[in-house]
Amino acid sequence: MVHTYTPRAVQRAVEAGVKSIEHGQMLDEETLKILAKKGVWLSLQNLMDNNENMDEQRKEKRKPVLDGQDKVWPLAKKLGVKLAWGTDFLFEPELNDDQNSYILRLQKWFTNAEILKMVTQDNGELHTFPNLQQHQLQLSFRQKYIV
């Protein structure tokens, strides 16, 4: 699992054997085709728009990511990329109450049935991915004996 946004970083991660990309809002068609061909998961977030509480530097930094998400969701769907839905609400717990409304924003690109499948079945499939489970077991084993 790798957290990244850009085509170059994602392509390098896939070449190294990564099976799940988190974020990825700035990906291009070439990279999305690679993900589809190799069966790599893309766990996107549907980020909120800029607001008045954000300083100009943060707004400018977020612009390519916000612009990208309007392109990546429908293109990834069209190309048959394995899609999951994710969020970093863990780091902003005050947003937890808004989580359902963020899911509903996917209606721009998906039917309600597709959204329900993505946030339940597809997310479940991603999190039961055999290599992910094996990695978690290996990590637990190492942590146990390192501590």
Foldseek 3Di string as FASTA:
>chain_A
DEEDAELVVLVVCVVVPAQEYEANLQYDLVSLLVQQVVQREYAHFQDDQDDPVDDPVVNVVCVSSNVSNVVPVQSSVVSRHLYAYDDPCVVVVVCVVVVVVRLVVCVVRDDPVVSVCRHPVSVVCVCVPPVNVVVVVVVVVVVVVVD
